[in-house]
C-alpha atoms as a PDB file:
ATOM      1  CA  UNK A   1     -23.269   9.385  -1.988  1.00  0.00           C
ATOM      2  CA  UNK A   2     -21.979  10.909   1.236  1.00  0.00           C
ATOM      3  CA  UNK A   3     -18.579   9.612   2.367  1.00  0.00           C
ATOM      4  CA  UNK A   4     -18.036   8.398   5.895  1.00  0.00           C
ATOM      5  CA  UNK A   5     -15.301  10.340   7.727  1.00  0.00           C
ATOM      6  CA  UNK A   6     -12.178   8.349   8.510  1.00  0.00           C
ATOM      7  CA  UNK A   7     -10.935   7.909  12.051  1.00  0.00           C
ATOM      8  CA  UNK A   8      -7.393   8.236  13.265  1.00  0.00           C
ATOM      9  CA  UNK A   9      -5.787   4.784  13.640  1.00  0.00           C
ATOM     10  CA  UNK A  10      -5.563   3.999  17.320  1.00  0.00           C
ATOM     11  CA  UNK A  11      -8.275   6.456  18.363  1.00  0.00           C
ATOM     12  CA  UNK A  12     -11.530   5.399  20.003  1.00  0.00           C
ATOM     13  CA  UNK A  13     -14.084   4.020  17.582  1.00  0.00           C
ATOM     14  CA  UNK A  14     -16.705   6.508  16.562  1.00  0.00           C
ATOM     15  CA  UNK A  15     -14.537   9.597  17.088  1.00  0.00           C
ATOM     16  CA  UNK A  16     -14.307  10.888  13.537  1.00  0.00           C
ATOM     17  CA  UNK A  17     -11.456  13.262  12.775  1.00  0.00           C
ATOM     18  CA  UNK A  18     -10.534  15.335   9.786  1.00  0.00           C
ATOM     19  CA  UNK A  19      -7.837  13.686   7.693  1.00  0.00           C
ATOM     20  CA  UNK A  20      -4.762  15.884   7.578  1.00  0.00           C
ATOM     21  CA  UNK A  21      -2.477  13.867   5.315  1.00  0.00           C
ATOM     22  CA  UNK A  22      -3.084  11.447   2.447  1.00  0.00           C
ATOM     23  CA  UNK A  23      -0.313   9.168   1.203  1.00  0.00           C
ATOM     24  CA  UNK A  24      -0.593   7.846  -2.360  1.00  0.00           C
ATOM     25  CA  UNK A  25       1.436   4.826  -3.512  1.00  0.00           C
ATOM     26  CA  UNK A  26       1.075   3.636  -7.130  1.00  0.00           C
ATOM     27  CA  UNK A  27       1.808  -0.077  -7.575  1.00  0.00           C
ATOM     28  CA  UNK A  28       2.088  -2.491 -10.483  1.00  0.00           C
ATOM     29  CA  UNK A  29       3.199  -6.094  -9.907  1.00  0.00           C
ATOM     30  CA  UNK A  30       4.586  -5.363  -6.439  1.00  0.00           C
ATOM     31  CA  UNK A  31       3.498  -8.512  -4.607  1.00  0.00           C
ATOM     32  CA  UNK A  32       5.885  -9.016  -1.718  1.00  0.00           C
ATOM     33  CA  UNK A  33       6.705  -5.309  -1.499  1.00  0.00           C
ATOM     34  CA  UNK A  34       3.364  -3.513  -1.151  1.00  0.00           C
ATOM     35  CA  UNK A  35       2.111  -4.958   2.189  1.00  0.00           C
ATOM     36  CA  UNK A  36       5.411  -4.278   3.952  1.00  0.00           C
ATOM     37  CA  UNK A  37       5.398  -0.738   2.582  1.00  0.00           C
ATOM     38  CA  UNK A  38       1.843  -0.147   3.800  1.00  0.00           C
ATOM     39  CA  UNK A  39       2.816  -1.212   7.308  1.00  0.00           C
ATOM     40  CA  UNK A  40       5.877   1.058   7.229  1.00  0.00           C
ATOM     41  CA  UNK A  41       3.783   4.041   6.158  1.00  0.00           C
ATOM     42  CA  UNK A  42       1.333   3.404   8.992  1.00  0.00           C
ATOM     43  CA  UNK A  43       4.192   3.182  11.507  1.00  0.00           C
ATOM     44  CA  UNK A  44       5.801   6.383  10.207  1.00  0.00           C
ATOM     45  CA  UNK A  45       2.524   8.324  10.522  1.00  0.00           C
ATOM     46  CA  UNK A  46       1.335   6.859  13.822  1.00  0.00           C
ATOM     47  CA  UNK A  47      -0.423   9.528  15.890  1.00  0.00           C
ATOM     48  CA  UNK A  48      -1.510  11.586  12.876  1.00  0.00           C
ATOM     49  CA  UNK A  49      -4.883  11.811  11.141  1.00  0.00           C
ATOM     50  CA  UNK A  50      -3.997  10.162   7.839  1.00  0.00           C
ATOM     51  CA  UNK A  51      -5.066   7.785   5.107  1.00  0.00           C
ATOM     52  CA  UNK A  52      -3.029   5.508   2.846  1.00  0.00           C
ATOM     53  CA  UNK A  53      -4.188   5.115  -0.747  1.00  0.00           C
ATOM     54  CA  UNK A  54      -2.641   2.340  -2.818  1.00  0.00           C
ATOM     55  CA  UNK A  55      -3.524   2.545  -6.501  1.00  0.00           C
ATOM     56  CA  UNK A  56      -3.065  -0.806  -8.224  1.00  0.00           C
ATOM     57  CA  UNK A  57      -2.355  -0.187 -11.899  1.00  0.00           C
ATOM     58  CA  UNK A  58      -3.830  -3.458 -13.152  1.00  0.00           C
ATOM     59  CA  UNK A  59      -1.242  -5.789 -11.601  1.00  0.00           C
ATOM     60  CA  UNK A  60      -0.883  -9.291 -12.999  1.00  0.00           C
ATOM     61  CA  UNK A  61       0.398 -10.801  -9.752  1.00  0.00           C
ATOM     62  CA  UNK A  62      -1.046 -10.966  -6.200  1.00  0.00           C
ATOM     63  CA  UNK A  63      -0.483  -7.277  -5.382  1.00  0.00           C
ATOM     64  CA  UNK A  64      -4.178  -6.444  -5.232  1.00  0.00           C
ATOM     65  CA  UNK A  65      -5.050  -9.563  -3.202  1.00  0.00           C
ATOM     66  CA  UNK A  66      -2.250  -8.939  -0.691  1.00  0.00           C
ATOM     67  CA  UNK A  67      -3.324  -5.342  -0.117  1.00  0.00           C
ATOM     68  CA  UNK A  68      -7.007  -6.191   0.151  1.00  0.00           C
ATOM     69  CA  UNK A  69      -6.172  -8.758   2.834  1.00  0.00           C
ATOM     70  CA  UNK A  70      -4.365  -6.031   4.787  1.00  0.00           C
ATOM     71  CA  UNK A  71      -7.302  -3.640   5.094  1.00  0.00           C
ATOM     72  CA  UNK A  72      -8.592  -5.181   8.330  1.00  0.00           C
ATOM     73  CA  UNK A  73      -5.164  -4.784   9.943  1.00  0.00           C
ATOM     74  CA  UNK A  74      -4.736  -1.197   8.686  1.00  0.00           C
ATOM     75  CA  UNK A  75      -8.055   0.698   8.889  1.00  0.00           C
ATOM     76  CA  UNK A  76      -6.510   3.777   7.244  1.00  0.00           C
ATOM     77  CA  UNK A  77      -5.701   1.775   4.097  1.00  0.00           C
ATOM     78  CA  UNK A  78      -7.710   2.367   0.925  1.00  0.00           C
ATOM     79  CA  UNK A  79      -7.216   0.346  -2.240  1.00  0.00           C
ATOM     80  CA  UNK A  80      -8.112   1.606  -5.700  1.00  0.00           C
ATOM     81  CA  UNK A  81      -7.698  -0.494  -8.820  1.00  0.00           C
ATOM     82  CA  UNK A  82      -7.374   0.531 -12.444  1.00  0.00           C
ATOM     83  CA  UNK A  83      -9.274  -1.638 -14.901  1.00  0.00           C
ATOM     84  CA  UNK A  84      -6.601  -1.034 -17.546  1.00  0.00           C
ATOM     85  CA  UNK A  85      -2.870  -0.498 -17.096  1.00  0.00           C
ATOM     86  CA  UNK A  86      -2.414   3.274 -17.435  1.00  0.00           C
ATOM     87  CA  UNK A  87       1.036   4.074 -16.073  1.00  0.00           C
ATOM     88  CA  UNK A  88       2.477   5.619 -12.938  1.00  0.00           C
ATOM     89  CA  UNK A  89       1.432   9.207 -13.591  1.00  0.00           C
ATOM     90  CA  UNK A  90      -2.200   8.197 -14.051  1.00  0.00           C
ATOM     91  CA  UNK A  91      -2.060   6.076 -10.887  1.00  0.00           C
ATOM     92  CA  UNK A  92      -0.694   9.036  -8.926  1.00  0.00           C
ATOM     93  CA  UNK A  93      -3.444  11.278 -10.303  1.00  0.00           C
ATOM     94  CA  UNK A  94      -6.108   8.678  -9.485  1.00  0.00           C
ATOM     95  CA  UNK A  95      -4.887   8.618  -5.898  1.00  0.00           C
ATOM     96  CA  UNK A  96      -4.693  12.405  -5.561  1.00  0.00           C
ATOM     97  CA  UNK A  97      -8.212  12.810  -6.948  1.00  0.00           C
ATOM     98  CA  UNK A  98      -9.470  10.330  -4.350  1.00  0.00           C
ATOM     99  CA  UNK A  99      -7.485  11.869  -1.480  1.00  0.00           C
ATOM    100  CA  UNK A 100      -9.479  13.472   1.333  1.00  0.00           C
ATOM    101  CA  UNK A 101      -6.676  15.568   2.842  1.00  0.00           C
ATOM    102  CA  UNK A 102      -5.421  18.977   1.660  1.00  0.00           C
ATOM    103  CA  UNK A 103      -1.825  17.706   1.790  1.00  0.00           C
ATOM    104  CA  UNK A 104      -0.704  14.645  -0.187  1.00  0.00           C
ATOM    105  CA  UNK A 105       2.478  12.616  -0.024  1.00  0.00           C
ATOM    106  CA  UNK A 106       3.601  10.167  -2.702  1.00  0.00           C
ATOM    107  CA  UNK A 107       6.182   7.415  -2.797  1.00  0.00           C
ATOM    108  CA  UNK A 108       6.978   4.565  -5.147  1.00  0.00           C
ATOM    109  CA  UNK A 109       5.324   1.225  -4.462  1.00  0.00           C
ATOM    110  CA  UNK A 110       8.512  -0.843  -4.737  1.00  0.00           C
ATOM    111  CA  UNK A 111       9.662  -0.001  -1.202  1.00  0.00           C
ATOM    112  CA  UNK A 112      12.837   1.810  -2.253  1.00  0.00           C
ATOM    113  CA  UNK A 113      11.532   5.118  -0.852  1.00  0.00           C
ATOM    114  CA  UNK A 114      11.662   5.317   2.945  1.00  0.00           C
ATOM    115  CA  UNK A 115       8.300   6.253   4.537  1.00  0.00           C
ATOM    116  CA  UNK A 116      10.097   7.804   7.526  1.00  0.00           C
ATOM    117  CA  UNK A 117      11.046  10.666   5.198  1.00  0.00           C
ATOM    118  CA  UNK A 118       7.396  11.669   4.758  1.00  0.00           C
ATOM    119  CA  UNK A 119       7.056  13.450   8.151  1.00  0.00           C
ATOM    120  CA  UNK A 120      10.267  15.409   7.422  1.00  0.00           C
ATOM    121  CA  UNK A 121       8.991  16.623   4.062  1.00  0.00           C
ATOM    122  CA  UNK A 122       5.585  17.407   5.563  1.00  0.00           C
ATOM    123  CA  UNK A 123       7.154  19.482   8.349  1.00  0.00           C
ATOM    124  CA  UNK A 124       9.211  21.396   5.780  1.00  0.00           C
ATOM    125  CA  UNK A 125       6.130  22.205   3.705  1.00  0.00           C
ATOM    126  CA  UNK A 126       4.065  23.342   6.693  1.00  0.00           C
ATOM    127  CA  UNK A 127       6.726  25.181   8.703  1.00  0.00           C
ATOM    128  CA  UNK A 128       5.592  28.602   9.993  1.00  0.00           C
ATOM    129  CA  UNK A 129       8.194  30.564   7.998  1.00  0.00           C
ATOM    130  CA  UNK A 130       7.599  28.769   4.675  1.00  0.00           C
ATOM    131  CA  UNK A 131       7.053  31.000   1.625  1.00  0.00           C
ATOM    132  CA  UNK A 132       3.370  31.681   1.114  1.00  0.00           C
ATOM    133  CA  UNK A 133       3.476  30.079  -2.348  1.00  0.00           C
ATOM    134  CA  UNK A 134       5.393  26.956  -1.310  1.00  0.00           C
ATOM    135  CA  UNK A 135       3.380  24.068  -2.758  1.00  0.00           C
ATOM    136  CA  UNK A 136       5.749  21.091  -2.803  1.00  0.00           C
ATOM    137  CA  UNK A 137       8.785  19.616  -1.078  1.00  0.00           C
ATOM    138  CA  UNK A 138      10.426  16.871  -3.120  1.00  0.00           C
ATOM    139  CA  UNK A 139      13.071  14.342  -2.155  1.00  0.00           C
ATOM    140  CA  UNK A 140      16.549  13.993  -3.616  1.00  0.00           C
ATOM    141  CA  UNK A 141      17.752  10.424  -3.161  1.00  0.00           C
ATOM    142  CA  UNK A 142      21.060  10.223  -1.284  1.00  0.00           C
ATOM    143  CA  UNK A 143      23.289   7.203  -1.960  1.00  0.00           C
ATOM    144  CA  UNK A 144      21.007   5.586  -4.530  1.00  0.00           C
ATOM    145  CA  UNK A 145      20.742   1.815  -4.200  1.00  0.00           C
ATOM    146  CA  UNK A 146      20.551   1.040  -7.942  1.00  0.00           C
ATOM    147  CA  UNK A 147      23.023  -0.568 -10.331  1.00  0.00           C
ATOM    148  CA  UNK A 148      25.583   1.639 -12.082  1.00  0.00           C
ATOM    149  CA  UNK A 149      23.847   1.582 -15.481  1.00  0.00           C
ATOM    150  CA  UNK A 150      20.578   2.817 -14.010  1.00  0.00           C
ATOM    151  CA  UNK A 151      22.375   5.557 -12.084  1.00  0.00           C
ATOM    152  CA  UNK A 152      24.311   6.579 -15.207  1.00  0.00           C
ATOM    153  CA  UNK A 153      21.176   6.806 -17.355  1.00  0.00           C
ATOM    154  CA  UNK A 154      19.435   8.868 -14.677  1.00  0.00           C
ATOM    155  CA  UNK A 155      22.441  11.177 -14.354  1.00  0.00           C
ATOM    156  CA  UNK A 156      22.451  11.867 -18.097  1.00  0.00           C
ATOM    157  CA  UNK A 157      18.703  12.510 -18.186  1.00  0.00           C
ATOM    158  CA  UNK A 158      18.771  14.727 -15.092  1.00  0.00           C
ATOM    159  CA  UNK A 159      21.671  16.812 -16.413  1.00  0.00           C
ATOM    160  CA  UNK A 160      19.903  17.420 -19.718  1.00  0.00           C
ATOM    161  CA  UNK A 161      16.548  18.278 -18.176  1.00  0.00           C
ATOM    162  CA  UNK A 162      18.133  20.514 -15.533  1.00  0.00           C
ATOM    163  CA  UNK A 163      19.993  22.454 -18.229  1.00  0.00           C
ATOM    164  CA  UNK A 164      16.739  22.877 -20.151  1.00  0.00           C
ATOM    165  CA  UNK A 165      14.273  23.533 -17.329  1.00  0.00           C
ATOM    166  CA  UNK A 166      16.402  24.988 -14.500  1.00  0.00           C
ATOM    167  CA  UNK A 167      13.780  23.868 -11.989  1.00  0.00           C
ATOM    168  CA  UNK A 168      16.220  22.884  -9.229  1.00  0.00           C
ATOM    169  CA  UNK A 169      15.323  19.192  -9.514  1.00  0.00           C
ATOM    170  CA  UNK A 170      18.557  17.209  -9.610  1.00  0.00           C
ATOM    171  CA  UNK A 171      16.716  13.907  -9.102  1.00  0.00           C
ATOM    172  CA  UNK A 172      13.579  13.810 -11.209  1.00  0.00           C
ATOM    173  CA  UNK A 173      13.113  10.074 -10.615  1.00  0.00           C
ATOM    174  CA  UNK A 174      12.543  10.369  -6.882  1.00  0.00           C
ATOM    175  CA  UNK A 175       9.008   9.284  -6.059  1.00  0.00           C
ATOM    176  CA  UNK A 176       8.822  10.721  -2.551  1.00  0.00           C
ATOM    177  CA  UNK A 177       7.123  14.121  -2.516  1.00  0.00           C
ATOM    178  CA  UNK A 178       4.746  16.092  -0.302  1.00  0.00           C
ATOM    179  CA  UNK A 179       2.540  18.729  -1.887  1.00  0.00           C
ATOM    180  CA  UNK A 180      -0.693  20.657  -1.629  1.00  0.00           C
ATOM    181  CA  UNK A 181      -3.496  18.791  -3.349  1.00  0.00           C
ATOM    182  CA  UNK A 182      -5.062  21.990  -4.682  1.00  0.00           C
ATOM    183  CA  UNK A 183      -1.793  22.932  -6.400  1.00  0.00           C
ATOM    184  CA  UNK A 184      -1.384  19.494  -7.983  1.00  0.00           C
ATOM    185  CA  UNK A 185      -4.861  19.664  -9.480  1.00  0.00           C
ATOM    186  CA  UNK A 186      -3.881  22.843 -11.329  1.00  0.00           C
ATOM    187  CA  UNK A 187      -1.077  21.054 -13.197  1.00  0.00           C
ATOM    188  CA  UNK A 188      -1.568  19.828 -16.784  1.00  0.00           C
ATOM    189  CA  UNK A 189      -1.807  16.054 -16.933  1.00  0.00           C
ATOM    190  CA  UNK A 190       0.138  13.870 -19.371  1.00  0.00           C
ATOM    191  CA  UNK A 191       1.802  10.476 -19.177  1.00  0.00           C
ATOM    192  CA  UNK A 192       5.076  10.665 -17.185  1.00  0.00           C
ATOM    193  CA  UNK A 193       4.175  14.080 -15.773  1.00  0.00           C
ATOM    194  CA  UNK A 194       5.148  12.845 -12.294  1.00  0.00           C
ATOM    195  CA  UNK A 195       8.810  13.239 -13.352  1.00  0.00           C
ATOM    196  CA  UNK A 196       8.294  16.931 -14.162  1.00  0.00           C
ATOM    197  CA  UNK A 197       6.260  18.085 -11.184  1.00  0.00           C
ATOM    198  CA  UNK A 198       8.790  20.700  -9.951  1.00  0.00           C
ATOM    199  CA  UNK A 199       8.868  22.388 -13.379  1.00  0.00           C
ATOM    200  CA  UNK A 200       5.083  22.204 -13.666  1.00  0.00           C
ATOM    201  CA  UNK A 201       4.625  23.676 -10.170  1.00  0.00           C
ATOM    202  CA  UNK A 202       6.950  26.558 -11.049  1.00  0.00           C
ATOM    203  CA  UNK A 203       4.998  27.082 -14.278  1.00  0.00           C
ATOM    204  CA  UNK A 204       1.866  27.762 -12.200  1.00  0.00           C
ATOM    205  CA  UNK A 205       3.666  30.255  -9.951  1.00  0.00           C
ATOM    206  CA  UNK A 206       4.264  27.950  -6.975  1.00  0.00           C
ATOM    207  CA  UNK A 207       7.528  27.526  -5.090  1.00  0.00           C
ATOM    208  CA  UNK A 208       9.270  24.154  -4.698  1.00  0.00           C
ATOM    209  CA  UNK A 209      11.911  23.021  -2.226  1.00  0.00           C
ATOM    210  CA  UNK A 210      14.044  19.880  -1.960  1.00  0.00           C
ATOM    211  CA  UNK A 211      15.364  17.699   0.864  1.00  0.00           C
ATOM    212  CA  UNK A 212      17.754  14.765   0.799  1.00  0.00           C
ATOM    213  CA  UNK A 213      15.962  11.491   1.460  1.00  0.00           C
ATOM    214  CA  UNK A 214      16.939   7.895   2.029  1.00  0.00           C
ATOM    215  CA  UNK A 215      16.973   5.304  -0.745  1.00  0.00           C
ATOM    216  CA  UNK A 216      16.837   1.548  -0.233  1.00  0.00           C
ATOM    217  CA  UNK A 217      17.509  -1.566  -2.308  1.00  0.00           C
ATOM    218  CA  UNK A 218      14.526  -3.116  -4.039  1.00  0.00           C
ATOM    219  CA  UNK A 219      13.081  -6.134  -2.246  1.00  0.00           C
ATOM    220  CA  UNK A 220      10.935  -8.437  -4.378  1.00  0.00           C
ATOM    221  CA  UNK A 221      10.327  -8.085  -8.118  1.00  0.00           C
ATOM    222  CA  UNK A 222      12.182  -5.948 -10.621  1.00  0.00           C
ATOM    223  CA  UNK A 223      12.052  -2.465 -12.136  1.00  0.00           C
ATOM    224  CA  UNK A 224       9.297  -1.771 -14.665  1.00  0.00           C
ATOM    225  CA  UNK A 225      11.528   0.487 -16.777  1.00  0.00           C
ATOM    226  CA  UNK A 226      14.530  -0.145 -19.020  1.00  0.00           C
ATOM    227  CA  UNK A 227      17.333   2.418 -19.047  1.00  0.00           C
ATOM    228  CA  UNK A 228      16.917   3.212 -22.755  1.00  0.00           C
ATOM    229  CA  UNK A 229      13.149   3.303 -22.523  1.00  0.00           C
ATOM    230  CA  UNK A 230      13.216   5.721 -19.607  1.00  0.00           C
ATOM    231  CA  UNK A 231      15.789   7.955 -21.289  1.00  0.00           C
ATOM    232  CA  UNK A 232      13.827   8.088 -24.568  1.00  0.00           C
ATOM    233  CA  UNK A 233      10.559   8.913 -22.785  1.00  0.00           C
ATOM    234  CA  UNK A 234      12.241  11.632 -20.720  1.00  0.00           C
ATOM    235  CA  UNK A 235      13.668  13.333 -23.803  1.00  0.00           C
ATOM    236  CA  UNK A 236      10.311  13.294 -25.608  1.00  0.00           C
ATOM    237  CA  UNK A 237       8.481  14.632 -22.572  1.00  0.00           C
ATOM    238  CA  UNK A 238      11.159  17.271 -21.973  1.00  0.00           C
ATOM    239  CA  UNK A 239      10.314  19.036 -25.232  1.00  0.00           C
ATOM    240  CA  UNK A 240       6.640  18.962 -24.276  1.00  0.00           C
ATOM    241  CA  UNK A 241       7.299  20.527 -20.870  1.00  0.00           C
ATOM    242  CA  UNK A 242       9.515  23.185 -22.464  1.00  0.00           C
ATOM    243  CA  UNK A 243       6.631  24.034 -24.805  1.00  0.00           C
ATOM    244  CA  UNK A 244       4.148  24.171 -21.920  1.00  0.00           C
ATOM    245  CA  UNK A 245       6.401  26.538 -19.986  1.00  0.00           C
ATOM    246  CA  UNK A 246       6.811  28.787 -23.033  1.00  0.00           C
ATOM    247  CA  UNK A 247       3.026  29.101 -23.288  1.00  0.00           C
ATOM    248  CA  UNK A 248       2.362  29.914 -19.618  1.00  0.00           C
ATOM    249  CA  UNK A 249       0.874  33.320 -18.755  1.00  0.00           C
ATOM    250  CA  UNK A 250       0.301  34.065 -15.055  1.00  0.00           C
ATOM    251  CA  UNK A 251      -2.270  36.649 -13.917  1.00  0.00           C
ATOM    252  CA  UNK A 252      -0.173  37.813 -10.951  1.00  0.00           C
ATOM    253  CA  UNK A 253      -3.000  36.975  -8.549  1.00  0.00           C
ATOM    254  CA  UNK A 254      -6.768  37.123  -8.691  1.00  0.00           C
ATOM    255  CA  UNK A 255      -9.033  39.654  -6.987  1.00  0.00           C
ATOM    256  CA  UNK A 256     -12.767  39.233  -6.519  1.00  0.00           C
ATOM    257  CA  UNK A 257     -14.376  42.509  -7.576  1.00  0.00           C
END
């Protein structure tokens, strides 16, 4: 079935434009946070040709209802829903697969990432003097607004993974990223892969850069992860990523003959 082209919010009806930027926000039980975040994303991208894709990972609260009710107010908003809870990495992948733009931005659905950082990361990725293989600009959260135990667990995990992977990512838990959709689709998929995207991009021969971004206190709800659970998952996945990197063989470019 042929898709209808989206129109830029605020433009005259009927003037279809190519979407330049897709923003993907995975959410699970984020009632009270998701609608406000959607409005903030729209405000941050006003004047651009964009779409906002919220992927509801089988929420048990009113997240899906609240976002569906917002679609009339925000014509650029799309809402996708998993039938089974599948995790954040799968929700991100679902959104990227559905995205219509060549450039995709992601941010967490709890509202702690600041949507005003998205244009900064986008400008960095698309600047005229960027390396030809630059595929992603990721955020490093400055002045994290989390409790000390969560910060401590993240610091331990980040130090270990940085020593093992040396991918330049000092904040693997930051959800705000801007990347080329085509590059993302070349990455191997596995649960929690969103935390290892810099290493996986480097594995495929792409370049990655980092910018400091804002971080805000959580509004409604609570974190979906425990400190010990996150740390254990990171360590298990780390060995998998190390194995994947050891098995990578790049062709050095491809020529059509």
